[in-house]
Amino acid sequence: MNLPVEETAGAVVDIAKMGAGLGAGIVAIGAGIGIGRIGAAANEGIARQPEAAADIRGGSIILAAFIEGVCLFAVVVTLLIAIF
């Protein structure tokens, strides 16, 4: 069955938008898991070595900020794919 070009192009755009939404969701889930693991590791490190709490806390905050930055960049890219 041959579809007209307009219908085929519309289907491709719809699939791209669905993929972009799926990608944004996967990025958000990955960032949440990553930040959760950082928090768990930081709490475990502070429990094992309370005198290093300030250093561990500072490092974990910086790492969480980096993960949030990558997540934001990825969501923006997926949304740009969905728009254009």
C-alpha atoms as a PDB file:
ATOM      1  CA  MET A   1       0.000   0.000   0.000  1.00  0.00           C
ATOM      2  CA  ASN A   2       1.485   3.318  -1.075  1.00  0.00           C
ATOM      3  CA  LEU A   3       0.804   6.301   1.138  1.00  0.00           C
ATOM      4  CA  PRO A   4       0.906   9.855  -0.144  1.00  0.00           C
ATOM      5  CA  VAL A   5       4.050  11.781   0.707  1.00  0.00           C
ATOM      6  CA  GLU A   6       2.173  14.161   3.016  1.00  0.00           C
ATOM      7  CA  GLU A   7       0.844  11.339   5.185  1.00  0.00           C
ATOM      8  CA  THR A   8       4.249   9.677   5.358  1.00  0.00           C
ATOM      9  CA  ALA A   9       5.947  12.939   6.341  1.00  0.00           C
ATOM     10  CA  GLY A  10       3.300  13.576   8.992  1.00  0.00           C
ATOM     11  CA  ALA A  11       3.798  10.107  10.439  1.00  0.00           C
ATOM     12  CA  VAL A  12       7.565  10.648  10.628  1.00  0.00           C
ATOM     13  CA  VAL A  13       7.080  13.962  12.441  1.00  0.00           C
ATOM     14  CA  ASP A  14       4.660  12.339  14.878  1.00  0.00           C
ATOM     15  CA  ILE A  15       7.137   9.543  15.606  1.00  0.00           C
ATOM     16  CA  ALA A  16       9.923  12.111  16.123  1.00  0.00           C
ATOM     17  CA  LYS A  17       7.786  14.036  18.615  1.00  0.00           C
ATOM     18  CA  MET A  18       6.942  10.842  20.464  1.00  0.00           C
ATOM     19  CA  GLY A  19      10.621   9.921  20.577  1.00  0.00           C
ATOM     20  CA  ALA A  20      11.536  13.371  21.861  1.00  0.00           C
ATOM     21  CA  GLY A  21       8.997  13.096  24.667  1.00  0.00           C
ATOM     22  CA  LEU A  22      10.236   9.633  25.515  1.00  0.00           C
ATOM     23  CA  GLY A  23      13.827  10.886  25.504  1.00  0.00           C
ATOM     24  CA  ALA A  24      12.994  13.761  27.857  1.00  0.00           C
ATOM     25  CA  GLY A  25      11.324  11.330  30.264  1.00  0.00           C
ATOM     26  CA  ILE A  26      14.273   8.941  30.208  1.00  0.00           C
ATOM     27  CA  VAL A  27      16.675  11.825  30.855  1.00  0.00           C
ATOM     28  CA  ALA A  28      14.639  12.994  33.852  1.00  0.00           C
ATOM     29  CA  ILE A  29      14.493   9.467  35.281  1.00  0.00           C
ATOM     30  CA  GLY A  30      18.241   9.024  34.791  1.00  0.00           C
ATOM     31  CA  ALA A  31      19.007  12.314  36.496  1.00  0.00           C
ATOM     32  CA  GLY A  32      16.764  11.412  39.428  1.00  0.00           C
ATOM     33  CA  ILE A  33      18.470   8.056  39.836  1.00  0.00           C
ATOM     34  CA  GLY A  34      21.923   9.652  39.596  1.00  0.00           C
ATOM     35  CA  ILE A  35      21.201  12.325  42.173  1.00  0.00           C
ATOM     36  CA  GLY A  36      19.629   9.723  44.471  1.00  0.00           C
ATOM     37  CA  ARG A  37      22.754   7.584  44.266  1.00  0.00           C
ATOM     38  CA  ILE A  38      24.936  10.614  45.031  1.00  0.00           C
ATOM     39  CA  GLY A  39      22.821  11.375  48.089  1.00  0.00           C
ATOM     40  CA  ALA A  40      22.960   7.778  49.285  1.00  0.00           C
ATOM     41  CA  ALA A  41      26.724   7.589  48.845  1.00  0.00           C
ATOM     42  CA  ALA A  42      27.208  10.950  50.562  1.00  0.00           C
ATOM     43  CA  ASN A  43      25.110   9.879  53.547  1.00  0.00           C
ATOM     44  CA  GLU A  44      27.013   6.617  53.815  1.00  0.00           C
ATOM     45  CA  GLY A  45      30.337   8.451  53.610  1.00  0.00           C
ATOM     46  CA  ILE A  46      29.318  10.939  56.288  1.00  0.00           C
ATOM     47  CA  ALA A  47      28.129   8.088  58.519  1.00  0.00           C
ATOM     48  CA  ARG A  48      31.485   6.341  58.159  1.00  0.00           C
ATOM     49  CA  GLN A  49      33.610   9.465  58.549  1.00  0.00           C
ATOM     50  CA  PRO A  50      31.717  12.293  60.279  1.00  0.00           C
ATOM     51  CA  GLU A  51      34.759  14.582  60.387  1.00  0.00           C
ATOM     52  CA  ALA A  52      34.769  14.748  56.564  1.00  0.00           C
ATOM     53  CA  ALA A  53      31.111  15.792  56.349  1.00  0.00           C
ATOM     54  CA  ALA A  54      31.807  19.262  54.937  1.00  0.00           C
ATOM     55  CA  ASP A  55      34.013  17.959  52.135  1.00  0.00           C
ATOM     56  CA  ILE A  56      31.617  15.152  51.238  1.00  0.00           C
ATOM     57  CA  ARG A  57      28.605  17.471  51.283  1.00  0.00           C
ATOM     58  CA  GLY A  58      30.334  20.042  49.079  1.00  0.00           C
ATOM     59  CA  GLY A  59      31.416  17.446  46.547  1.00  0.00           C
ATOM     60  CA  SER A  60      27.983  15.878  46.371  1.00  0.00           C
ATOM     61  CA  ILE A  61      26.306  19.254  45.812  1.00  0.00           C
ATOM     62  CA  ILE A  62      28.699  20.036  42.953  1.00  0.00           C
ATOM     63  CA  LEU A  63      28.099  16.619  41.372  1.00  0.00           C
ATOM     64  CA  ALA A  64      24.329  17.016  41.689  1.00  0.00           C
ATOM     65  CA  ALA A  65      24.570  20.423  39.991  1.00  0.00           C
ATOM     66  CA  PHE A  66      26.546  18.890  37.106  1.00  0.00           C
ATOM     67  CA  ILE A  67      23.935  16.163  36.682  1.00  0.00           C
ATOM     68  CA  GLU A  68      21.143  18.755  36.690  1.00  0.00           C
ATOM     69  CA  GLY A  69      22.994  20.759  34.039  1.00  0.00           C
ATOM     70  CA  VAL A  70      23.366  17.737  31.774  1.00  0.00           C
ATOM     71  CA  CYS A  71      19.719  16.837  32.351  1.00  0.00           C
ATOM     72  CA  LEU A  72      18.573  20.344  31.462  1.00  0.00           C
ATOM     73  CA  PHE A  73      20.700  20.323  28.300  1.00  0.00           C
ATOM     74  CA  ALA A  74      19.289  16.952  27.239  1.00  0.00           C
ATOM     75  CA  VAL A  75      15.692  18.024  27.854  1.00  0.00           C
ATOM     76  CA  VAL A  76      16.238  21.207  25.823  1.00  0.00           C
ATOM     77  CA  VAL A  77      17.690  19.168  22.946  1.00  0.00           C
ATOM     78  CA  THR A  78      14.763  16.737  22.989  1.00  0.00           C
ATOM     79  CA  LEU A  79      12.267  19.585  23.075  1.00  0.00           C
ATOM     80  CA  LEU A  80      14.022  21.263  20.143  1.00  0.00           C
ATOM     81  CA  ILE A  81      13.706  18.007  18.240  1.00  0.00           C
ATOM     82  CA  ALA A  82      10.003  17.979  19.037  1.00  0.00           C
ATOM     83  CA  ILE A  83       9.493  21.574  17.888  1.00  0.00           C
ATOM     84  CA  PHE A  84      11.485  21.467  14.660  1.00  0.00           C
END
